[in-house]
Protein backbone atom coordinates (compact mmCIF):
# COMPACT_ATOMS: atom_id res chain seq x y z
CA MET A 1 -90.33 -164.99 -132.11
CA THR A 2 -89.60 -168.90 -130.79
CA LYS A 3 -88.54 -167.71 -127.87
CA TYR A 4 -91.93 -166.18 -127.44
CA TYR A 5 -93.95 -169.60 -128.63
CA LYS A 6 -91.47 -171.39 -126.23
CA GLU A 7 -91.99 -169.33 -122.96
CA LYS A 8 -96.17 -169.45 -123.88
CA ALA A 9 -95.96 -172.95 -124.44
CA LEU A 10 -93.66 -173.50 -121.15
CA LEU A 11 -96.21 -171.34 -119.29
CA ALA A 12 -99.31 -173.62 -120.57
CA THR A 13 -97.55 -176.77 -119.60
CA GLU A 14 -97.32 -175.28 -116.16
CA ASN A 15 -100.55 -174.49 -116.24
CA LYS A 16 -101.53 -177.58 -117.03
CA ILE A 17 -99.88 -179.31 -114.60
CA ASP A 18 -101.02 -176.96 -111.75
CA SER A 19 -104.45 -177.73 -112.88
CA ILE A 20 -103.93 -181.26 -112.87
CA LYS A 21 -102.35 -181.04 -109.60
CA ARG A 22 -105.29 -178.78 -108.19
CA ASP A 23 -107.76 -181.88 -109.61
CA ALA A 24 -106.05 -184.78 -108.16
CA ASP A 25 -105.91 -182.91 -104.92
CA PHE A 26 -109.80 -182.17 -105.30
CA PHE A 27 -110.12 -186.15 -106.50
CA LYS A 28 -108.32 -187.19 -103.17
CA ARG A 29 -110.38 -185.09 -101.04
CA ASN A 30 -113.56 -186.35 -102.19
CA LEU A 31 -112.67 -189.77 -102.71
CA ILE A 32 -111.59 -190.03 -99.16
CA TYR A 33 -115.41 -188.51 -98.54
CA LEU A 34 -116.87 -191.04 -100.79
CA PHE A 35 -115.63 -193.31 -99.12
CA CYS A 36 -116.65 -192.75 -95.92
CA LEU A 37 -120.06 -192.54 -97.25
CA VAL A 38 -120.13 -195.97 -98.94
CA LEU A 39 -118.62 -197.73 -95.56
CA SER A 40 -121.46 -195.81 -93.45
CA PHE A 41 -123.82 -196.73 -95.23
CA SER A 42 -122.07 -200.98 -95.43
CA CYS A 43 -122.69 -200.74 -91.35
CA SER A 44 -125.46 -202.23 -90.15
CA ASN A 45 -126.67 -203.22 -86.75
CA LYS A 46 -128.22 -206.69 -87.74
CA ASP A 47 -126.41 -209.59 -87.63
CA ASP A 48 -126.87 -212.58 -89.96
CA LYS A 49 -129.49 -214.37 -87.81
CA PRO A 50 -133.08 -214.93 -88.49
CA GLU A 51 -135.61 -212.65 -87.15
CA ASN A 52 -136.96 -213.36 -83.91
CA ASN A 53 -140.79 -212.33 -83.93
CA VAL A 54 -141.59 -214.29 -81.11
CA PRO A 55 -144.27 -212.45 -78.77
CA GLN A 56 -142.72 -211.55 -75.67
CA GLU A 57 -145.89 -212.96 -74.06
CA LEU A 58 -145.16 -216.76 -74.77
CA ILE A 59 -141.73 -216.78 -73.48
CA GLY A 60 -141.88 -218.54 -70.26
CA LYS A 61 -143.52 -221.93 -68.67
CA TRP A 62 -147.23 -223.29 -69.80
CA LYS A 63 -149.78 -225.25 -68.03
CA LEU A 64 -152.63 -227.01 -69.96
CA ILE A 65 -155.56 -226.24 -67.82
CA GLU A 66 -158.74 -226.66 -70.23
CA ILE A 67 -159.55 -228.35 -73.44
CA TYR A 68 -162.27 -227.37 -75.71
CA GLU A 69 -163.69 -229.97 -77.49
CA SER A 70 -166.63 -231.02 -79.38
CA ASP A 71 -168.50 -234.10 -79.92
CA GLY A 72 -170.72 -232.82 -82.43
CA ASN A 73 -173.87 -232.43 -80.09
CA SER A 74 -172.73 -229.68 -77.78
CA ASN A 75 -169.24 -227.73 -76.84
CA SER A 76 -167.25 -227.18 -73.89
CA TRP A 77 -164.25 -226.26 -71.75
CA VAL A 78 -162.87 -229.26 -69.81
CA PRO A 79 -160.63 -228.87 -67.20
CA TYR A 80 -157.74 -231.11 -67.84
CA ASP A 81 -154.53 -232.07 -65.30
CA SER A 82 -151.18 -233.72 -67.13
CA GLY A 83 -149.94 -233.84 -63.01
CA GLU A 84 -146.79 -231.74 -64.17
CA SER A 85 -145.47 -228.71 -62.84
CA TYR A 86 -145.62 -227.19 -66.34
CA ASP A 87 -146.40 -228.80 -69.92
CA ILE A 88 -144.88 -226.56 -72.19
CA TRP A 89 -141.84 -223.98 -72.06
CA PHE A 90 -141.14 -221.70 -74.48
CA LYS A 91 -137.59 -220.43 -73.60
CA GLU A 92 -135.93 -216.95 -75.12
CA ASP A 93 -133.36 -218.86 -77.28
CA LEU A 94 -136.19 -220.65 -79.39
CA GLY A 95 -135.82 -223.75 -77.12
CA LEU A 96 -138.68 -225.58 -76.52
CA VAL A 97 -139.52 -228.12 -73.58
CA VAL A 98 -142.56 -230.43 -73.69
CA SER A 99 -142.48 -232.09 -70.36
CA THR A 100 -145.09 -234.32 -71.36
CA MET A 101 -143.46 -236.25 -74.54
CA ILE A 102 -141.43 -239.18 -73.88
CA GLU A 103 -138.05 -239.13 -72.78
CA GLY A 104 -135.21 -238.11 -75.06
CA CYS A 105 -138.35 -236.13 -77.06
CA GLN A 106 -138.97 -233.75 -74.52
CA ILE A 107 -135.77 -231.15 -76.03
CA GLY A 108 -136.84 -229.12 -79.13
CA SER A 109 -137.06 -225.96 -80.96
CA PHE A 110 -139.93 -223.67 -82.05
CA SER A 111 -140.56 -220.62 -83.89
CA ILE A 112 -143.53 -218.39 -84.72
CA SER A 113 -144.49 -218.35 -88.79
CA SER A 114 -145.96 -215.14 -90.62
CA ASN A 115 -149.54 -216.45 -89.71
CA ASN A 116 -149.37 -216.52 -85.93
CA GLU A 117 -148.59 -220.58 -85.91
CA ILE A 118 -146.24 -222.09 -83.15
CA VAL A 119 -143.99 -224.56 -85.24
CA TYR A 120 -142.74 -226.81 -83.02
CA ASN A 121 -139.49 -229.08 -83.62
CA LEU A 122 -139.08 -232.20 -81.57
CA PRO A 123 -136.43 -234.81 -82.41
CA CYS A 124 -139.38 -237.67 -82.13
CA SER A 125 -141.90 -236.69 -83.72
CA GLU A 126 -142.48 -234.38 -87.39
CA GLN A 127 -142.78 -231.13 -86.99
CA SER A 128 -146.05 -229.66 -85.40
CA ILE A 129 -147.66 -226.56 -86.93
CA ILE A 130 -150.10 -225.25 -83.87
CA PRO A 131 -152.53 -222.01 -84.82
CA ILE A 132 -152.39 -219.28 -81.82
CA GLU A 133 -155.86 -218.55 -81.29
CA SER A 134 -155.26 -216.11 -78.24
CA LEU A 135 -152.13 -214.97 -76.17
CA SER A 136 -151.68 -212.53 -73.53
CA GLU A 137 -149.73 -212.66 -70.83
CA THR A 138 -151.22 -214.97 -68.55
CA THR A 139 -153.18 -217.64 -70.86
CA LEU A 140 -152.43 -218.93 -74.24
CA ILE A 141 -155.16 -221.00 -76.36
CA THR A 142 -154.04 -223.18 -79.14
CA ASP A 143 -156.16 -224.63 -82.03
CA VAL A 144 -154.92 -228.24 -81.92
CA THR A 145 -158.24 -229.58 -84.49
CA TYR A 146 -157.62 -232.68 -85.92
CA ILE A 147 -160.47 -234.24 -86.92
CA GLU A 148 -162.88 -232.45 -84.45
CA TYR A 149 -162.68 -228.91 -83.45
CA GLU A 150 -160.53 -228.70 -80.12
CA LEU A 151 -158.74 -225.81 -78.29
CA ASN A 152 -155.90 -225.71 -75.78
CA LYS A 153 -156.11 -223.40 -72.89
CA TYR A 154 -152.78 -222.87 -70.93
CA GLU A 155 -152.27 -220.67 -68.03
CA LYS A 156 -149.01 -218.85 -67.32
CA VAL A 157 -147.02 -220.83 -64.87
CA THR A 158 -144.89 -218.35 -62.64
CA ASP A 159 -141.72 -219.97 -60.93
């Protein structure tokens, strides 16, 4: 009888070992699939740069052509010419050139806020926030109201 129990115990042990091997093979295969699945979700096309939400129409050189002023009695568009070939250049890399600023203060950067405002950063002045009233391929109107209501109308300059 002892031989019978020994054989039965040996057979049970072999079955247990086979079961463990099958479980290990199953785990290895599924671990590889799980690893590939996790790896695919961790990949992304995004990089760590801030999102560029600048409207494509804004990119380019702009010339200030009119100023809408209010003197308390009447409102009207008044022609304006700085004498420059362009007044503001919004670059694709978020660089900014303001040709009417004094030398050394002309080059800076800009961004667009979630409220559709141009945020200017120039070396010789505090950050300026200018709301965009209207933007098309050829015309930009900004609200530069300080005390009295005032708008600036720009026309896109082609090189």
